[in-house]
Amino acid sequence: MLLVRINICMNKFFATVRVRGQFLRTAVFADSSLHARLILEYQFGFGSVVLQPVKTVNANEQYTPLQEIISAIKPLTPQQARLDTLKKQKDVASQNLKAERERQKITKAQQQLRISSMKKSAA
């Protein structure tokens, strides 16, 4: 029986990915740059790779594994979700109220300007 030993060597690629709006640099082991990009897009979502993966020359280059940076977000309980929704609705309502008051002030000031300019032109 003949045993053949195949030595598969994976290359280390560095890439910048977008996770929750932040740009993070991470590493992936793959055969090619395209393979590294596909692995990262599968893991972090389509379009998350910001910069094309680049093969590393320096083996001692530092990176932070994303698993150490990203922590799981606990889902809200129904009660917490309801409170969170009500808070957001309150904030939106107060912003709308403030905007409406500003619009009314502007309208009133414009009317006063029209009246005063009409009085000046009549005199």
PDB file of N, CA and C in Angstrom:
ATOM      1  N   MET A   1       0.842  -1.173   0.000  1.00  0.00           N
ATOM      2  CA  MET A   1       0.000   0.000   0.000  1.00  0.00           C
ATOM      3  C   MET A   1       0.888   1.237   0.000  1.00  0.00           C
ATOM      4  N   LEU A   2       0.572   2.160  -0.898  1.00  0.00           N
ATOM      5  CA  LEU A   2       1.352   3.356  -1.061  1.00  0.00           C
ATOM      6  C   LEU A   2       0.605   4.536  -0.456  1.00  0.00           C
ATOM      7  N   LEU A   3       1.207   5.211   0.481  1.00  0.00           N
ATOM      8  CA  LEU A   3       0.612   6.388   1.105  1.00  0.00           C
ATOM      9  C   LEU A   3       1.249   7.640   0.512  1.00  0.00           C
ATOM     10  N   VAL A   4       0.412   8.511   0.066  1.00  0.00           N
ATOM     11  CA  VAL A   4       0.884   9.773  -0.485  1.00  0.00           C
ATOM     12  C   VAL A   4       0.483  10.880   0.463  1.00  0.00           C
ATOM     13  N   ARG A   5       1.431  11.652   0.840  1.00  0.00           N
ATOM     14  CA  ARG A   5       1.145  12.762   1.747  1.00  0.00           C
ATOM     15  C   ARG A   5       1.061  14.054   0.930  1.00  0.00           C
ATOM     16  N   ILE A   6      -0.095  14.666   0.982  1.00  0.00           N
ATOM     17  CA  ILE A   6      -0.291  15.924   0.279  1.00  0.00           C
ATOM     18  C   ILE A   6      -0.189  17.040   1.301  1.00  0.00           C
ATOM     19  N   ASN A   7       0.649  17.986   1.036  1.00  0.00           N
ATOM     20  CA  ASN A   7       0.838  19.111   1.943  1.00  0.00           C
ATOM     21  C   ASN A   7       0.062  20.304   1.400  1.00  0.00           C
ATOM     22  N   ILE A   8      -1.049  20.616   2.024  1.00  0.00           N
ATOM     23  CA  ILE A   8      -1.861  21.751   1.614  1.00  0.00           C
ATOM     24  C   ILE A   8      -1.442  22.952   2.440  1.00  0.00           C
ATOM     25  N   CYS A   9      -1.043  23.989   1.755  1.00  0.00           N
ATOM     26  CA  CYS A   9      -0.596  25.200   2.431  1.00  0.00           C
ATOM     27  C   CYS A   9      -1.605  26.305   2.180  1.00  0.00           C
ATOM     28  N   MET A  10      -2.199  26.785   3.232  1.00  0.00           N
ATOM     29  CA  MET A  10      -3.152  27.887   3.115  1.00  0.00           C
ATOM     30  C   MET A  10      -2.397  29.195   3.341  1.00  0.00           C
ATOM     31  N   ASN A  11      -2.796  30.183   2.602  1.00  0.00           N
ATOM     32  CA  ASN A  11      -2.192  31.501   2.733  1.00  0.00           C
ATOM     33  C   ASN A  11      -3.012  32.342   3.700  1.00  0.00           C
ATOM     34  N   LYS A  12      -2.323  33.242   4.369  1.00  0.00           N
ATOM     35  CA  LYS A  12      -2.982  34.134   5.318  1.00  0.00           C
ATOM     36  C   LYS A  12      -3.257  35.455   4.615  1.00  0.00           C
ATOM     37  N   PHE A  13      -4.539  35.869   4.626  1.00  0.00           N
ATOM     38  CA  PHE A  13      -4.951  37.110   3.986  1.00  0.00           C
ATOM     39  C   PHE A  13      -5.503  38.061   5.040  1.00  0.00           C
ATOM     40  N   PHE A  14      -5.163  39.333   4.885  1.00  0.00           N
ATOM     41  CA  PHE A  14      -5.721  40.371   5.737  1.00  0.00           C
ATOM     42  C   PHE A  14      -6.752  41.143   4.930  1.00  0.00           C
ATOM     43  N   ALA A  15      -7.853  41.503   5.581  1.00  0.00           N
ATOM     44  CA  ALA A  15      -8.902  42.260   4.905  1.00  0.00           C
ATOM     45  C   ALA A  15      -9.569  43.176   5.916  1.00  0.00           C
ATOM     46  N   THR A  16     -10.193  44.217   5.390  1.00  0.00           N
ATOM     47  CA  THR A  16     -10.975  45.135   6.217  1.00  0.00           C
ATOM     48  C   THR A  16     -12.439  44.866   5.932  1.00  0.00           C
ATOM     49  N   VAL A  17     -13.202  44.631   7.002  1.00  0.00           N
ATOM     50  CA  VAL A  17     -14.629  44.345   6.863  1.00  0.00           C
ATOM     51  C   VAL A  17     -15.428  45.349   7.673  1.00  0.00           C
ATOM     52  N   ARG A  18     -16.674  45.546   7.278  1.00  0.00           N
ATOM     53  CA  ARG A  18     -17.581  46.441   7.993  1.00  0.00           C
ATOM     54  C   ARG A  18     -18.507  45.583   8.834  1.00  0.00           C
ATOM     55  N   VAL A  19     -18.473  45.810  10.142  1.00  0.00           N
ATOM     56  CA  VAL A  19     -19.333  45.086  11.077  1.00  0.00           C
ATOM     57  C   VAL A  19     -20.040  46.107  11.947  1.00  0.00           C
ATOM     58  N   ARG A  20     -21.367  46.142  11.871  1.00  0.00           N
ATOM     59  CA  ARG A  20     -22.182  47.094  12.636  1.00  0.00           C
ATOM     60  C   ARG A  20     -21.716  48.533  12.446  1.00  0.00           C
ATOM     61  N   GLY A  21     -21.342  48.871  11.224  1.00  0.00           N
ATOM     62  CA  GLY A  21     -20.943  50.233  10.917  1.00  0.00           C
ATOM     63  C   GLY A  21     -19.498  50.570  11.252  1.00  0.00           C
ATOM     64  N   GLN A  22     -18.757  49.629  11.819  1.00  0.00           N
ATOM     65  CA  GLN A  22     -17.356  49.875  12.148  1.00  0.00           C
ATOM     66  C   GLN A  22     -16.475  49.115  11.174  1.00  0.00           C
ATOM     67  N   PHE A  23     -15.322  49.683  10.849  1.00  0.00           N
ATOM     68  CA  PHE A  23     -14.372  49.032   9.974  1.00  0.00           C
ATOM     69  C   PHE A  23     -13.348  48.302  10.835  1.00  0.00           C
ATOM     70  N   LEU A  24     -13.212  47.015  10.595  1.00  0.00           N
ATOM     71  CA  LEU A  24     -12.295  46.195  11.374  1.00  0.00           C
ATOM     72  C   LEU A  24     -11.377  45.429  10.450  1.00  0.00           C
ATOM     73  N   ARG A  25     -10.144  45.253  10.886  1.00  0.00           N
ATOM     74  CA  ARG A  25      -9.159  44.499  10.115  1.00  0.00           C
ATOM     75  C   ARG A  25      -9.078  43.103  10.707  1.00  0.00           C
ATOM     76  N   THR A  26      -9.178  42.101   9.856  1.00  0.00           N
ATOM     77  CA  THR A  26      -9.137  40.724  10.320  1.00  0.00           C
ATOM     78  C   THR A  26      -8.322  39.886   9.353  1.00  0.00           C
ATOM     79  N   ALA A  27      -8.082  38.648   9.727  1.00  0.00           N
ATOM     80  CA  ALA A  27      -7.304  37.728   8.901  1.00  0.00           C
ATOM     81  C   ALA A  27      -8.129  36.493   8.617  1.00  0.00           C
ATOM     82  N   VAL A  28      -7.836  35.878   7.475  1.00  0.00           N
ATOM     83  CA  VAL A  28      -8.511  34.649   7.082  1.00  0.00           C
ATOM     84  C   VAL A  28      -7.495  33.789   6.337  1.00  0.00           C
ATOM     85  N   PHE A  29      -7.597  32.486   6.493  1.00  0.00           N
ATOM     86  CA  PHE A  29      -6.724  31.564   5.779  1.00  0.00           C
ATOM     87  C   PHE A  29      -7.487  31.026   4.581  1.00  0.00           C
ATOM     88  N   ALA A  30      -6.893  31.157   3.391  1.00  0.00           N
ATOM     89  CA  ALA A  30      -7.559  30.730   2.166  1.00  0.00           C
ATOM     90  C   ALA A  30      -6.513  30.430   1.101  1.00  0.00           C
ATOM     91  N   ASP A  31      -6.980  29.838   0.004  1.00  0.00           N
ATOM     92  CA  ASP A  31      -6.088  29.513  -1.111  1.00  0.00           C
ATOM     93  C   ASP A  31      -5.758  30.743  -1.947  1.00  0.00           C
ATOM     94  N   SER A  32      -6.749  31.610  -2.147  1.00  0.00           N
ATOM     95  CA  SER A  32      -6.546  32.774  -2.996  1.00  0.00           C
ATOM     96  C   SER A  32      -7.290  33.966  -2.416  1.00  0.00           C
ATOM     97  N   SER A  33      -7.060  35.124  -3.020  1.00  0.00           N
ATOM     98  CA  SER A  33      -7.724  36.335  -2.579  1.00  0.00           C
ATOM     99  C   SER A  33      -9.238  36.235  -2.774  1.00  0.00           C
ATOM    100  N   LEU A  34      -9.644  35.657  -3.899  1.00  0.00           N
ATOM    101  CA  LEU A  34     -11.070  35.478  -4.169  1.00  0.00           C
ATOM    102  C   LEU A  34     -11.710  34.545  -3.140  1.00  0.00           C
ATOM    103  N   HIS A  35     -11.016  33.467  -2.822  1.00  0.00           N
ATOM    104  CA  HIS A  35     -11.518  32.524  -1.827  1.00  0.00           C
ATOM    105  C   HIS A  35     -11.638  33.201  -0.466  1.00  0.00           C
ATOM    106  N   ALA A  36     -10.655  34.037  -0.110  1.00  0.00           N
ATOM    107  CA  ALA A  36     -10.689  34.760   1.168  1.00  0.00           C
ATOM    108  C   ALA A  36     -11.885  35.704   1.205  1.00  0.00           C
ATOM    109  N   ARG A  37     -12.137  36.409   0.081  1.00  0.00           N
ATOM    110  CA  ARG A  37     -13.281  37.328   0.016  1.00  0.00           C
ATOM    111  C   ARG A  37     -14.596  36.573   0.179  1.00  0.00           C
ATOM    112  N   LEU A  38     -14.711  35.434  -0.469  1.00  0.00           N
ATOM    113  CA  LEU A  38     -15.935  34.639  -0.366  1.00  0.00           C
ATOM    114  C   LEU A  38     -16.161  34.140   1.065  1.00  0.00           C
ATOM    115  N   ILE A  39     -15.101  33.731   1.710  1.00  0.00           N
ATOM    116  CA  ILE A  39     -15.220  33.266   3.100  1.00  0.00           C
ATOM    117  C   ILE A  39     -15.701  34.410   3.990  1.00  0.00           C
ATOM    118  N   LEU A  40     -15.097  35.585   3.835  1.00  0.00           N
ATOM    119  CA  LEU A  40     -15.475  36.736   4.659  1.00  0.00           C
ATOM    120  C   LEU A  40     -16.902  37.186   4.371  1.00  0.00           C
ATOM    121  N   GLU A  41     -17.310  37.188   3.108  1.00  0.00           N
ATOM    122  CA  GLU A  41     -18.683  37.591   2.785  1.00  0.00           C
ATOM    123  C   GLU A  41     -19.685  36.568   3.304  1.00  0.00           C
ATOM    124  N   TYR A  42     -19.320  35.306   3.300  1.00  0.00           N
ATOM    125  CA  TYR A  42     -20.212  34.292   3.857  1.00  0.00           C
ATOM    126  C   TYR A  42     -20.352  34.490   5.360  1.00  0.00           C
ATOM    127  N   GLN A  43     -19.252  34.832   6.021  1.00  0.00           N
ATOM    128  CA  GLN A  43     -19.277  34.981   7.478  1.00  0.00           C
ATOM    129  C   GLN A  43     -19.923  36.285   7.926  1.00  0.00           C
ATOM    130  N   PHE A  44     -19.648  37.406   7.230  1.00  0.00           N
ATOM    131  CA  PHE A  44     -20.091  38.712   7.697  1.00  0.00           C
ATOM    132  C   PHE A  44     -21.168  39.352   6.833  1.00  0.00           C
ATOM    133  N   GLY A  45     -21.547  38.715   5.751  1.00  0.00           N
ATOM    134  CA  GLY A  45     -22.609  39.240   4.907  1.00  0.00           C
ATOM    135  C   GLY A  45     -22.081  39.813   3.609  1.00  0.00           C
ATOM    136  N   PHE A  46     -22.926  39.743   2.590  1.00  0.00           N
ATOM    137  CA  PHE A  46     -22.562  40.235   1.270  1.00  0.00           C
ATOM    138  C   PHE A  46     -22.321  41.740   1.327  1.00  0.00           C
ATOM    139  N   GLY A  47     -21.210  42.184   0.754  1.00  0.00           N
ATOM    140  CA  GLY A  47     -20.884  43.596   0.740  1.00  0.00           C
ATOM    141  C   GLY A  47     -20.174  44.083   1.986  1.00  0.00           C
ATOM    142  N   SER A  48     -19.855  43.190   2.914  1.00  0.00           N
ATOM    143  CA  SER A  48     -19.203  43.616   4.150  1.00  0.00           C
ATOM    144  C   SER A  48     -17.697  43.796   3.992  1.00  0.00           C
ATOM    145  N   VAL A  49     -17.119  43.218   2.948  1.00  0.00           N
ATOM    146  CA  VAL A  49     -15.676  43.346   2.728  1.00  0.00           C
ATOM    147  C   VAL A  49     -15.419  44.709   2.093  1.00  0.00           C
ATOM    148  N   VAL A  50     -14.700  45.561   2.811  1.00  0.00           N
ATOM    149  CA  VAL A  50     -14.446  46.926   2.361  1.00  0.00           C
ATOM    150  C   VAL A  50     -13.234  46.968   1.448  1.00  0.00           C
ATOM    151  N   LEU A  51     -12.135  46.350   1.870  1.00  0.00           N
ATOM    152  CA  LEU A  51     -10.910  46.311   1.082  1.00  0.00           C
ATOM    153  C   LEU A  51     -10.611  44.872   0.683  1.00  0.00           C
ATOM    154  N   GLN A  52     -10.175  44.688  -0.554  1.00  0.00           N
ATOM    155  CA  GLN A  52      -9.865  43.363  -1.079  1.00  0.00           C
ATOM    156  C   GLN A  52      -8.835  42.674  -0.176  1.00  0.00           C
ATOM    157  N   PRO A  53      -9.038  41.391   0.143  1.00  0.00           N
ATOM    158  CA  PRO A  53      -8.063  40.680   0.976  1.00  0.00           C
ATOM    159  C   PRO A  53      -6.681  40.672   0.327  1.00  0.00           C
ATOM    160  N   VAL A  54      -5.655  40.915   1.139  1.00  0.00           N
ATOM    161  CA  VAL A  54      -4.278  40.990   0.668  1.00  0.00           C
ATOM    162  C   VAL A  54      -3.473  39.922   1.381  1.00  0.00           C
ATOM    163  N   LYS A  55      -2.680  39.194   0.605  1.00  0.00           N
ATOM    164  CA  LYS A  55      -1.835  38.150   1.177  1.00  0.00           C
ATOM    165  C   LYS A  55      -0.743  38.785   2.024  1.00  0.00           C
ATOM    166  N   THR A  56      -0.529  38.221   3.198  1.00  0.00           N
ATOM    167  CA  THR A  56       0.453  38.789   4.109  1.00  0.00           C
ATOM    168  C   THR A  56       1.857  38.344   3.726  1.00  0.00           C
ATOM    169  N   VAL A  57       2.799  39.249   3.874  1.00  0.00           N
ATOM    170  CA  VAL A  57       4.201  38.942   3.625  1.00  0.00           C
ATOM    171  C   VAL A  57       4.891  38.693   4.949  1.00  0.00           C
ATOM    172  N   ASN A  58       4.522  39.490   5.942  1.00  0.00           N
ATOM    173  CA  ASN A  58       5.099  39.391   7.273  1.00  0.00           C
ATOM    174  C   ASN A  58       4.224  38.492   8.113  1.00  0.00           C
ATOM    175  N   ALA A  59       4.716  37.382   8.544  1.00  0.00           N
ATOM    176  CA  ALA A  59       3.931  36.425   9.325  1.00  0.00           C
ATOM    177  C   ALA A  59       3.632  36.929  10.728  1.00  0.00           C
ATOM    178  N   ASN A  60       4.388  37.921  11.199  1.00  0.00           N
ATOM    179  CA  ASN A  60       4.204  38.425  12.562  1.00  0.00           C
ATOM    180  C   ASN A  60       3.257  39.616  12.629  1.00  0.00           C
ATOM    181  N   GLU A  61       2.605  39.960  11.528  1.00  0.00           N
ATOM    182  CA  GLU A  61       1.698  41.109  11.515  1.00  0.00           C
ATOM    183  C   GLU A  61       0.542  40.866  12.478  1.00  0.00           C
ATOM    184  N   GLN A  62       0.196  41.886  13.243  1.00  0.00           N
ATOM    185  CA  GLN A  62      -0.815  41.749  14.280  1.00  0.00           C
ATOM    186  C   GLN A  62      -2.216  42.034  13.746  1.00  0.00           C
ATOM    187  N   TYR A  63      -3.177  41.305  14.257  1.00  0.00           N
ATOM    188  CA  TYR A  63      -4.582  41.545  13.972  1.00  0.00           C
ATOM    189  C   TYR A  63      -5.380  41.075  15.162  1.00  0.00           C
ATOM    190  N   THR A  64      -6.585  41.562  15.264  1.00  0.00           N
ATOM    191  CA  THR A  64      -7.476  41.163  16.347  1.00  0.00           C
ATOM    192  C   THR A  64      -8.578  40.303  15.757  1.00  0.00           C
ATOM    193  N   PRO A  65      -8.713  39.060  16.222  1.00  0.00           N
ATOM    194  CA  PRO A  65      -9.808  38.243  15.701  1.00  0.00           C
ATOM    195  C   PRO A  65     -11.151  38.888  16.010  1.00  0.00           C
ATOM    196  N   LEU A  66     -12.038  38.896  15.038  1.00  0.00           N
ATOM    197  CA  LEU A  66     -13.325  39.560  15.214  1.00  0.00           C
ATOM    198  C   LEU A  66     -14.171  38.905  16.294  1.00  0.00           C
ATOM    199  N   GLN A  67     -13.941  37.632  16.547  1.00  0.00           N
ATOM    200  CA  GLN A  67     -14.714  36.968  17.593  1.00  0.00           C
ATOM    201  C   GLN A  67     -14.429  37.578  18.960  1.00  0.00           C
ATOM    202  N   GLU A  68     -13.248  38.179  19.139  1.00  0.00           N
ATOM    203  CA  GLU A  68     -12.926  38.836  20.398  1.00  0.00           C
ATOM    204  C   GLU A  68     -13.580  40.210  20.492  1.00  0.00           C
ATOM    205  N   ILE A  69     -13.833  40.845  19.361  1.00  0.00           N
ATOM    206  CA  ILE A  69     -14.399  42.184  19.347  1.00  0.00           C
ATOM    207  C   ILE A  69     -15.918  42.147  19.415  1.00  0.00           C
ATOM    208  N   ILE A  70     -16.504  41.246  18.659  1.00  0.00           N
ATOM    209  CA  ILE A  70     -17.955  41.192  18.546  1.00  0.00           C
ATOM    210  C   ILE A  70     -18.520  40.347  19.673  1.00  0.00           C
ATOM    211  N   SER A  71     -19.434  40.913  20.408  1.00  0.00           N
ATOM    212  CA  SER A  71     -20.105  40.153  21.448  1.00  0.00           C
ATOM    213  C   SER A  71     -21.573  40.025  21.072  1.00  0.00           C
ATOM    214  N   ALA A  72     -22.161  38.974  21.538  1.00  0.00           N
ATOM    215  CA  ALA A  72     -23.557  38.730  21.210  1.00  0.00           C
ATOM    216  C   ALA A  72     -24.450  39.753  21.903  1.00  0.00           C
ATOM    217  N   ILE A  73     -25.474  40.185  21.207  1.00  0.00           N
ATOM    218  CA  ILE A  73     -26.443  41.104  21.783  1.00  0.00           C
ATOM    219  C   ILE A  73     -27.630  40.277  22.244  1.00  0.00           C
ATOM    220  N   LYS A  74     -27.956  40.415  23.510  1.00  0.00           N
ATOM    221  CA  LYS A  74     -29.085  39.671  24.038  1.00  0.00           C
ATOM    222  C   LYS A  74     -30.379  40.251  23.479  1.00  0.00           C
ATOM    223  N   PRO A  75     -31.290  39.380  23.062  1.00  0.00           N
ATOM    224  CA  PRO A  75     -32.567  39.901  22.580  1.00  0.00           C
ATOM    225  C   PRO A  75     -33.373  40.479  23.738  1.00  0.00           C
ATOM    226  N   LEU A  76     -34.169  41.493  23.421  1.00  0.00           N
ATOM    227  CA  LEU A  76     -34.992  42.125  24.452  1.00  0.00           C
ATOM    228  C   LEU A  76     -36.188  41.242  24.780  1.00  0.00           C
ATOM    229  N   THR A  77     -36.611  41.303  26.014  1.00  0.00           N
ATOM    230  CA  THR A  77     -37.835  40.624  26.390  1.00  0.00           C
ATOM    231  C   THR A  77     -38.998  41.405  25.797  1.00  0.00           C
ATOM    232  N   PRO A  78     -40.171  40.820  25.677  1.00  0.00           N
ATOM    233  CA  PRO A  78     -41.305  41.562  25.125  1.00  0.00           C
ATOM    234  C   PRO A  78     -41.597  42.855  25.888  1.00  0.00           C
ATOM    235  N   GLN A  79     -41.462  42.827  27.212  1.00  0.00           N
ATOM    236  CA  GLN A  79     -41.708  44.031  28.002  1.00  0.00           C
ATOM    237  C   GLN A  79     -40.667  45.104  27.693  1.00  0.00           C
ATOM    238  N   GLN A  80     -39.391  44.694  27.597  1.00  0.00           N
ATOM    239  CA  GLN A  80     -38.330  45.646  27.291  1.00  0.00           C
ATOM    240  C   GLN A  80     -38.499  46.209  25.879  1.00  0.00           C
ATOM    241  N   ALA A  81     -38.890  45.360  24.950  1.00  0.00           N
ATOM    242  CA  ALA A  81     -39.101  45.809  23.574  1.00  0.00           C
ATOM    243  C   ALA A  81     -40.234  46.824  23.515  1.00  0.00           C
ATOM    244  N   ARG A  82     -41.300  46.577  24.267  1.00  0.00           N
ATOM    245  CA  ARG A  82     -42.440  47.507  24.289  1.00  0.00           C
ATOM    246  C   ARG A  82     -42.011  48.864  24.838  1.00  0.00           C
ATOM    247  N   LEU A  83     -41.252  48.849  25.955  1.00  0.00           N
ATOM    248  CA  LEU A  83     -40.766  50.100  26.545  1.00  0.00           C
ATOM    249  C   LEU A  83     -39.833  50.835  25.571  1.00  0.00           C
ATOM    250  N   ASP A  84     -38.958  50.078  24.912  1.00  0.00           N
ATOM    251  CA  ASP A  84     -38.040  50.681  23.960  1.00  0.00           C
ATOM    252  C   ASP A  84     -38.800  51.333  22.807  1.00  0.00           C
ATOM    253  N   THR A  85     -39.822  50.665  22.312  1.00  0.00           N
ATOM    254  CA  THR A  85     -40.635  51.215  21.232  1.00  0.00           C
ATOM    255  C   THR A  85     -41.356  52.479  21.675  1.00  0.00           C
ATOM    256  N   LEU A  86     -41.912  52.454  22.881  1.00  0.00           N
ATOM    257  CA  LEU A  86     -42.617  53.635  23.392  1.00  0.00           C
ATOM    258  C   LEU A  86     -41.673  54.823  23.571  1.00  0.00           C
ATOM    259  N   LYS A  87     -40.449  54.558  24.027  1.00  0.00           N
ATOM    260  CA  LYS A  87     -39.462  55.629  24.186  1.00  0.00           C
ATOM    261  C   LYS A  87     -39.121  56.247  22.832  1.00  0.00           C
ATOM    262  N   LYS A  88     -38.938  55.389  21.825  1.00  0.00           N
ATOM    263  CA  LYS A  88     -38.621  55.899  20.490  1.00  0.00           C
ATOM    264  C   LYS A  88     -39.778  56.711  19.933  1.00  0.00           C
ATOM    265  N   GLN A  89     -41.018  56.249  20.156  1.00  0.00           N
ATOM    266  CA  GLN A  89     -42.189  56.986  19.690  1.00  0.00           C
ATOM    267  C   GLN A  89     -42.277  58.342  20.375  1.00  0.00           C
ATOM    268  N   LYS A  90     -41.964  58.377  21.683  1.00  0.00           N
ATOM    269  CA  LYS A  90     -41.991  59.639  22.433  1.00  0.00           C
ATOM    270  C   LYS A  90     -40.964  60.609  21.871  1.00  0.00           C
ATOM    271  N   ASP A  91     -39.767  60.124  21.571  1.00  0.00           N
ATOM    272  CA  ASP A  91     -38.723  60.986  21.012  1.00  0.00           C
ATOM    273  C   ASP A  91     -39.136  61.534  19.648  1.00  0.00           C
ATOM    274  N   VAL A  92     -39.718  60.684  18.817  1.00  0.00           N
ATOM    275  CA  VAL A  92     -40.157  61.128  17.495  1.00  0.00           C
ATOM    276  C   VAL A  92     -41.264  62.169  17.631  1.00  0.00           C
ATOM    277  N   ALA A  93     -42.207  61.937  18.551  1.00  0.00           N
ATOM    278  CA  ALA A  93     -43.306  62.883  18.753  1.00  0.00           C
ATOM    279  C   ALA A  93     -42.778  64.231  19.247  1.00  0.00           C
ATOM    280  N   SER A  94     -41.820  64.221  20.156  1.00  0.00           N
ATOM    281  CA  SER A  94     -41.280  65.492  20.656  1.00  0.00           C
ATOM    282  C   SER A  94     -40.507  66.222  19.551  1.00  0.00           C
ATOM    283  N   GLN A  95     -39.816  65.502  18.691  1.00  0.00           N
ATOM    284  CA  GLN A  95     -39.123  66.139  17.573  1.00  0.00           C
ATOM    285  C   GLN A  95     -40.124  66.746  16.596  1.00  0.00           C
ATOM    286  N   ASN A  96     -41.200  66.022  16.319  1.00  0.00           N
ATOM    287  CA  ASN A  96     -42.232  66.536  15.420  1.00  0.00           C
ATOM    288  C   ASN A  96     -42.905  67.774  16.011  1.00  0.00           C
ATOM    289  N   LEU A  97     -43.161  67.771  17.318  1.00  0.00           N
ATOM    290  CA  LEU A  97     -43.758  68.919  17.993  1.00  0.00           C
ATOM    291  C   LEU A  97     -42.842  70.141  17.887  1.00  0.00           C
ATOM    292  N   LYS A  98     -41.571  69.935  18.122  1.00  0.00           N
ATOM    293  CA  LYS A  98     -40.605  71.030  18.043  1.00  0.00           C
ATOM    294  C   LYS A  98     -40.547  71.586  16.621  1.00  0.00           C
ATOM    295  N   ALA A  99     -40.536  70.711  15.629  1.00  0.00           N
ATOM    296  CA  ALA A  99     -40.489  71.151  14.233  1.00  0.00           C
ATOM    297  C   ALA A  99     -41.744  71.929  13.860  1.00  0.00           C
ATOM    298  N   GLU A 100     -42.909  71.473  14.339  1.00  0.00           N
ATOM    299  CA  GLU A 100     -44.159  72.168  14.032  1.00  0.00           C
ATOM    300  C   GLU A 100     -44.187  73.552  14.675  1.00  0.00           C
ATOM    301  N   ARG A 101     -43.703  73.679  15.901  1.00  0.00           N
ATOM    302  CA  ARG A 101     -43.644  74.990  16.558  1.00  0.00           C
ATOM    303  C   ARG A 101     -42.741  75.940  15.780  1.00  0.00           C
ATOM    304  N   GLU A 102     -41.614  75.436  15.292  1.00  0.00           N
ATOM    305  CA  GLU A 102     -40.702  76.261  14.505  1.00  0.00           C
ATOM    306  C   GLU A 102     -41.371  76.704  13.202  1.00  0.00           C
ATOM    307  N   ARG A 103     -42.083  75.785  12.545  1.00  0.00           N
ATOM    308  CA  ARG A 103     -42.780  76.148  11.309  1.00  0.00           C
ATOM    309  C   ARG A 103     -43.814  77.244  11.561  1.00  0.00           C
ATOM    310  N   GLN A 104     -44.564  77.119  12.662  1.00  0.00           N
ATOM    311  CA  GLN A 104     -45.576  78.121  12.980  1.00  0.00           C
ATOM    312  C   GLN A 104     -44.950  79.472  13.294  1.00  0.00           C
ATOM    313  N   LYS A 105     -43.812  79.480  13.994  1.00  0.00           N
ATOM    314  CA  LYS A 105     -43.115  80.735  14.287  1.00  0.00           C
ATOM    315  C   LYS A 105     -42.668  81.402  12.989  1.00  0.00           C
ATOM    316  N   ILE A 106     -42.141  80.621  12.072  1.00  0.00           N
ATOM    317  CA  ILE A 106     -41.677  81.176  10.796  1.00  0.00           C
ATOM    318  C   ILE A 106     -42.850  81.741  10.009  1.00  0.00           C
ATOM    319  N   THR A 107     -43.958  81.015   9.967  1.00  0.00           N
ATOM    320  CA  THR A 107     -45.141  81.478   9.246  1.00  0.00           C
ATOM    321  C   THR A 107     -45.668  82.776   9.829  1.00  0.00           C
ATOM    322  N   LYS A 108     -45.720  82.850  11.153  1.00  0.00           N
ATOM    323  CA  LYS A 108     -46.197  84.058  11.823  1.00  0.00           C
ATOM    324  C   LYS A 108     -45.278  85.243  11.546  1.00  0.00           C
ATOM    325  N   ALA A 109     -43.976  85.022  11.572  1.00  0.00           N
ATOM    326  CA  ALA A 109     -43.016  86.097  11.298  1.00  0.00           C
ATOM    327  C   ALA A 109     -43.133  86.564   9.851  1.00  0.00           C
ATOM    328  N   GLN A 110     -43.342  85.622   8.929  1.00  0.00           N
ATOM    329  CA  GLN A 110     -43.503  86.009   7.525  1.00  0.00           C
ATOM    330  C   GLN A 110     -44.774  86.847   7.321  1.00  0.00           C
ATOM    331  N   GLN A 111     -45.840  86.486   8.010  1.00  0.00           N
ATOM    332  CA  GLN A 111     -47.081  87.266   7.914  1.00  0.00           C
ATOM    333  C   GLN A 111     -46.885  88.677   8.448  1.00  0.00           C
ATOM    334  N   GLN A 112     -46.178  88.791   9.563  1.00  0.00           N
ATOM    335  CA  GLN A 112     -45.920  90.110  10.136  1.00  0.00           C
ATOM    336  C   GLN A 112     -45.074  90.959   9.195  1.00  0.00           C
ATOM    337  N   LEU A 113     -44.114  90.340   8.526  1.00  0.00           N
ATOM    338  CA  LEU A 113     -43.306  91.072   7.555  1.00  0.00           C
ATOM    339  C   LEU A 113     -44.155  91.557   6.388  1.00  0.00           C
ATOM    340  N   ARG A 114     -45.047  90.712   5.902  1.00  0.00           N
ATOM    341  CA  ARG A 114     -45.922  91.115   4.801  1.00  0.00           C
ATOM    342  C   ARG A 114     -46.816  92.287   5.204  1.00  0.00           C
ATOM    343  N   ILE A 115     -47.375  92.216   6.420  1.00  0.00           N
ATOM    344  CA  ILE A 115     -48.263  93.283   6.902  1.00  0.00           C
ATOM    345  C   ILE A 115     -47.490  94.585   7.051  1.00  0.00           C
ATOM    346  N   SER A 116     -46.306  94.520   7.636  1.00  0.00           N
ATOM    347  CA  SER A 116     -45.532  95.749   7.835  1.00  0.00           C
ATOM    348  C   SER A 116     -45.061  96.338   6.513  1.00  0.00           C
ATOM    349  N   SER A 117     -44.717  95.482   5.550  1.00  0.00           N
ATOM    350  CA  SER A 117     -44.303  96.009   4.241  1.00  0.00           C
ATOM    351  C   SER A 117     -45.488  96.607   3.483  1.00  0.00           C
ATOM    352  N   MET A 118     -46.678  96.061   3.683  1.00  0.00           N
ATOM    353  CA  MET A 118     -47.871  96.618   3.050  1.00  0.00           C
ATOM    354  C   MET A 118     -48.216  97.989   3.647  1.00  0.00           C
ATOM    355  N   LYS A 119     -48.022  98.120   4.982  1.00  0.00           N
ATOM    356  CA  LYS A 119     -48.296  99.399   5.650  1.00  0.00           C
ATOM    357  C   LYS A 119     -47.319 100.469   5.179  1.00  0.00           C
ATOM    358  N   LYS A 120     -46.049 100.100   4.990  1.00  0.00           N
ATOM    359  CA  LYS A 120     -45.043 101.049   4.546  1.00  0.00           C
ATOM    360  C   LYS A 120     -45.331 101.501   3.115  1.00  0.00           C
ATOM    361  N   SER A 121     -45.730 100.555   2.276  1.00  0.00           N
ATOM    362  CA  SER A 121     -45.999 100.919   0.873  1.00  0.00           C
ATOM    363  C   SER A 121     -47.270 101.767   0.745  1.00  0.00           C
ATOM    364  N   ALA A 122     -48.219 101.577   1.659  1.00  0.00           N
ATOM    365  CA  ALA A 122     -49.464 102.350   1.638  1.00  0.00           C
ATOM    366  C   ALA A 122     -49.242 103.773   2.154  1.00  0.00           C
ATOM    367  N   ALA A 123     -48.272 103.933   3.014  1.00  0.00           N
ATOM    368  CA  ALA A 123     -48.048 105.266   3.618  1.00  0.00           C
ATOM    369  C   ALA A 123     -47.260 106.182   2.768  1.00  0.00           C
TER     370      ALA A 123
END
